[in-house]
Amino acid sequence: MLEFALFPKVLFVSLLEQTSIVTALFITVVFFLILLILGWRKSYLLKKESDKLNKTFSLDSDENKKSYRDFTEGHLYDNN
């Protein structure tokens, strides 16, 4: 009869432990989900900014279109 009297208390303690474990896991999942969403957002914003900068500063500037000029024909180099 003592066993039947302790059974509800043991069951309650067991459920309490399971509830606290589930709560801790839920909080952990929510925390990492927030980090994941912030990471995706940051990645999207960086990609958008990179595309914007690539359009603004294209590699086809005037300096890249100039033909190569040999700089070693000056007076400092003995190429007579």
N, C-alpha and C. Protein backbone atom coordinates (compact mmCIF):
# COMPACT_ATOMS: atom_id res chain seq x y z
N MET A 1 0.81 -1.18 0.00
CA MET A 1 0.00 0.00 0.00
C MET A 1 0.86 1.26 0.00
N LEU A 2 2.01 1.15 0.58
CA LEU A 2 2.93 2.27 0.58
C LEU A 2 3.42 2.57 -0.84
N GLU A 3 3.55 1.50 -1.62
CA GLU A 3 3.99 1.69 -3.02
C GLU A 3 2.98 2.52 -3.80
N PHE A 4 1.70 2.27 -3.58
CA PHE A 4 0.67 3.02 -4.29
C PHE A 4 0.62 4.47 -3.85
N ALA A 5 0.99 4.72 -2.63
CA ALA A 5 1.00 6.09 -2.13
C ALA A 5 2.18 6.87 -2.69
N LEU A 6 3.30 6.22 -2.94
CA LEU A 6 4.49 6.89 -3.48
C LEU A 6 4.45 7.00 -5.00
N PHE A 7 3.66 6.19 -5.65
CA PHE A 7 3.64 6.18 -7.11
C PHE A 7 3.25 7.53 -7.71
N PRO A 8 2.22 8.20 -7.23
CA PRO A 8 1.90 9.52 -7.80
C PRO A 8 3.01 10.54 -7.59
N LYS A 9 3.70 10.48 -6.46
CA LYS A 9 4.80 11.42 -6.23
C LYS A 9 5.95 11.15 -7.17
N VAL A 10 6.27 9.88 -7.38
CA VAL A 10 7.35 9.52 -8.30
C VAL A 10 6.98 9.90 -9.72
N LEU A 11 5.75 9.66 -10.09
CA LEU A 11 5.28 10.03 -11.42
C LEU A 11 5.33 11.54 -11.61
N PHE A 12 4.93 12.28 -10.59
CA PHE A 12 4.96 13.75 -10.67
C PHE A 12 6.39 14.26 -10.81
N VAL A 13 7.32 13.70 -10.04
CA VAL A 13 8.73 14.11 -10.13
C VAL A 13 9.29 13.75 -11.48
N SER A 14 8.93 12.59 -12.00
CA SER A 14 9.41 12.16 -13.31
C SER A 14 8.88 13.09 -14.40
N LEU A 15 7.61 13.44 -14.33
CA LEU A 15 7.04 14.36 -15.31
C LEU A 15 7.66 15.75 -15.19
N LEU A 16 7.96 16.15 -13.97
CA LEU A 16 8.58 17.44 -13.76
C LEU A 16 9.97 17.48 -14.39
N GLU A 17 10.73 16.41 -14.23
CA GLU A 17 12.06 16.35 -14.84
C GLU A 17 11.95 16.34 -16.36
N GLN A 18 11.00 15.59 -16.91
CA GLN A 18 10.82 15.57 -18.36
C GLN A 18 10.40 16.93 -18.89
N THR A 19 9.56 17.60 -18.16
CA THR A 19 9.11 18.93 -18.58
C THR A 19 10.27 19.91 -18.57
N SER A 20 11.11 19.84 -17.57
CA SER A 20 12.25 20.76 -17.52
C SER A 20 13.25 20.46 -18.64
N ILE A 21 13.42 19.18 -18.96
CA ILE A 21 14.32 18.82 -20.07
C ILE A 21 13.76 19.33 -21.39
N VAL A 22 12.48 19.14 -21.60
CA VAL A 22 11.84 19.61 -22.84
C VAL A 22 11.91 21.12 -22.93
N THR A 23 11.71 21.80 -21.82
CA THR A 23 11.79 23.26 -21.81
C THR A 23 13.20 23.72 -22.14
N ALA A 24 14.20 23.08 -21.57
CA ALA A 24 15.60 23.44 -21.86
C ALA A 24 15.93 23.19 -23.33
N LEU A 25 15.48 22.08 -23.88
CA LEU A 25 15.71 21.79 -25.29
C LEU A 25 14.99 22.80 -26.18
N PHE A 26 13.79 23.17 -25.82
CA PHE A 26 13.04 24.15 -26.60
C PHE A 26 13.75 25.50 -26.60
N ILE A 27 14.23 25.92 -25.44
CA ILE A 27 14.96 27.20 -25.37
C ILE A 27 16.23 27.13 -26.20
N THR A 28 16.92 26.01 -26.17
CA THR A 28 18.14 25.85 -26.97
C THR A 28 17.84 25.91 -28.46
N VAL A 29 16.78 25.23 -28.88
CA VAL A 29 16.40 25.23 -30.30
C VAL A 29 16.02 26.63 -30.74
N VAL A 30 15.27 27.34 -29.95
CA VAL A 30 14.87 28.70 -30.30
C VAL A 30 16.10 29.60 -30.39
N PHE A 31 17.03 29.45 -29.48
CA PHE A 31 18.25 30.27 -29.50
C PHE A 31 19.03 30.05 -30.79
N PHE A 32 19.26 28.78 -31.15
CA PHE A 32 20.02 28.51 -32.36
C PHE A 32 19.24 28.85 -33.63
N LEU A 33 17.94 28.78 -33.57
CA LEU A 33 17.13 29.20 -34.72
C LEU A 33 17.25 30.70 -34.94
N ILE A 34 17.27 31.46 -33.86
CA ILE A 34 17.47 32.91 -33.97
C ILE A 34 18.84 33.21 -34.56
N LEU A 35 19.87 32.50 -34.09
CA LEU A 35 21.21 32.70 -34.65
C LEU A 35 21.26 32.36 -36.14
N LEU A 36 20.57 31.30 -36.53
CA LEU A 36 20.54 30.90 -37.93
C LEU A 36 19.84 31.95 -38.79
N ILE A 37 18.74 32.47 -38.32
CA ILE A 37 18.01 33.50 -39.07
C ILE A 37 18.85 34.77 -39.19
N LEU A 38 19.52 35.15 -38.11
CA LEU A 38 20.40 36.34 -38.17
C LEU A 38 21.57 36.11 -39.14
N GLY A 39 22.09 34.91 -39.18
CA GLY A 39 23.17 34.59 -40.12
C GLY A 39 22.71 34.67 -41.56
N TRP A 40 21.53 34.12 -41.84
CA TRP A 40 20.98 34.22 -43.20
C TRP A 40 20.75 35.67 -43.59
N ARG A 41 20.23 36.44 -42.68
CA ARG A 41 19.98 37.86 -42.96
C ARG A 41 21.28 38.60 -43.26
N LYS A 42 22.30 38.36 -42.42
CA LYS A 42 23.60 39.02 -42.61
C LYS A 42 24.22 38.61 -43.94
N SER A 43 24.12 37.34 -44.29
CA SER A 43 24.65 36.85 -45.56
C SER A 43 23.94 37.52 -46.73
N TYR A 44 22.63 37.64 -46.64
CA TYR A 44 21.86 38.28 -47.70
C TYR A 44 22.26 39.74 -47.86
N LEU A 45 22.40 40.45 -46.74
CA LEU A 45 22.77 41.86 -46.81
C LEU A 45 24.18 42.05 -47.36
N LEU A 46 25.12 41.17 -46.98
CA LEU A 46 26.48 41.28 -47.50
C LEU A 46 26.52 40.99 -48.99
N LYS A 47 25.74 40.01 -49.45
CA LYS A 47 25.70 39.71 -50.88
C LYS A 47 25.11 40.88 -51.66
N LYS A 48 24.07 41.47 -51.11
CA LYS A 48 23.43 42.62 -51.77
C LYS A 48 24.41 43.80 -51.85
N GLU A 49 25.16 44.04 -50.78
CA GLU A 49 26.13 45.12 -50.77
C GLU A 49 27.28 44.84 -51.74
N SER A 50 27.70 43.58 -51.80
CA SER A 50 28.76 43.21 -52.72
C SER A 50 28.34 43.43 -54.18
N ASP A 51 27.12 43.04 -54.51
CA ASP A 51 26.62 43.27 -55.87
C ASP A 51 26.55 44.76 -56.18
N LYS A 52 26.14 45.55 -55.20
CA LYS A 52 26.05 47.00 -55.39
C LYS A 52 27.43 47.59 -55.64
N LEU A 53 28.43 47.15 -54.85
CA LEU A 53 29.78 47.66 -55.03
C LEU A 53 30.38 47.21 -56.36
N ASN A 54 30.06 46.00 -56.79
CA ASN A 54 30.57 45.53 -58.09
C ASN A 54 29.99 46.35 -59.23
N LYS A 55 28.76 46.76 -59.11
CA LYS A 55 28.18 47.61 -60.16
C LYS A 55 28.81 49.00 -60.14
N THR A 56 29.08 49.52 -58.96
CA THR A 56 29.63 50.86 -58.83
C THR A 56 31.08 50.92 -59.29
N PHE A 57 31.87 50.01 -58.82
CA PHE A 57 33.30 49.99 -59.14
C PHE A 57 33.61 48.81 -60.03
N SER A 58 33.24 48.91 -61.27
CA SER A 58 33.49 47.81 -62.19
C SER A 58 34.98 47.74 -62.52
N LEU A 59 35.41 46.57 -62.89
CA LEU A 59 36.83 46.37 -63.18
C LEU A 59 37.23 46.91 -64.56
N ASP A 60 36.26 47.35 -65.33
CA ASP A 60 36.55 47.89 -66.66
C ASP A 60 36.77 49.39 -66.61
N SER A 61 37.57 49.84 -65.69
CA SER A 61 37.85 51.27 -65.58
C SER A 61 38.87 51.68 -66.64
N ASP A 62 39.10 52.97 -66.72
CA ASP A 62 40.02 53.49 -67.73
C ASP A 62 41.44 52.97 -67.54
N GLU A 63 41.86 52.77 -66.30
CA GLU A 63 43.22 52.30 -66.05
C GLU A 63 43.42 50.89 -66.58
N ASN A 64 42.43 50.07 -66.53
CA ASN A 64 42.56 48.70 -67.02
C ASN A 64 42.51 48.63 -68.54
N LYS A 65 41.93 49.64 -69.19
CA LYS A 65 41.82 49.64 -70.65
C LYS A 65 43.08 50.16 -71.33
N LYS A 66 43.93 50.85 -70.58
CA LYS A 66 45.16 51.38 -71.16
C LYS A 66 46.09 50.24 -71.54
N SER A 67 46.82 50.45 -72.63
CA SER A 67 47.77 49.43 -73.05
C SER A 67 49.02 49.49 -72.18
N TYR A 68 49.74 48.42 -72.14
CA TYR A 68 50.93 48.33 -71.30
C TYR A 68 52.03 49.20 -71.87
N ARG A 69 52.67 49.98 -71.00
CA ARG A 69 53.79 50.82 -71.40
C ARG A 69 55.02 50.36 -70.64
N ASP A 70 56.08 50.05 -71.33
CA ASP A 70 57.29 49.56 -70.70
C ASP A 70 57.95 50.69 -69.94
N PHE A 71 58.09 50.53 -68.65
CA PHE A 71 58.65 51.58 -67.80
C PHE A 71 60.16 51.44 -67.64
N THR A 72 60.75 50.42 -68.20
CA THR A 72 62.20 50.20 -68.01
C THR A 72 63.03 50.93 -69.05
N GLU A 73 62.43 51.73 -69.92
CA GLU A 73 63.18 52.45 -70.94
C GLU A 73 63.61 53.82 -70.46
N GLY A 74 63.51 54.09 -69.19
CA GLY A 74 63.90 55.40 -68.67
C GLY A 74 65.41 55.52 -68.49
N HIS A 75 65.85 56.68 -68.04
CA HIS A 75 67.26 56.93 -67.87
C HIS A 75 67.87 56.22 -66.68
N LEU A 76 67.03 55.73 -65.76
CA LEU A 76 67.57 55.02 -64.60
C LEU A 76 67.99 53.61 -64.94
N TYR A 77 67.49 53.07 -66.04
CA TYR A 77 67.86 51.73 -66.45
C TYR A 77 68.84 51.85 -67.63
N ASP A 78 69.89 51.11 -67.59
CA ASP A 78 70.91 51.19 -68.66
C ASP A 78 70.51 50.31 -69.82
N ASN A 79 69.49 50.72 -70.57
CA ASN A 79 69.03 49.99 -71.74
C ASN A 79 69.36 50.82 -72.99
N ASN A 80 70.58 51.09 -73.24
CA ASN A 80 70.96 51.91 -74.40
C ASN A 80 70.93 51.14 -75.65
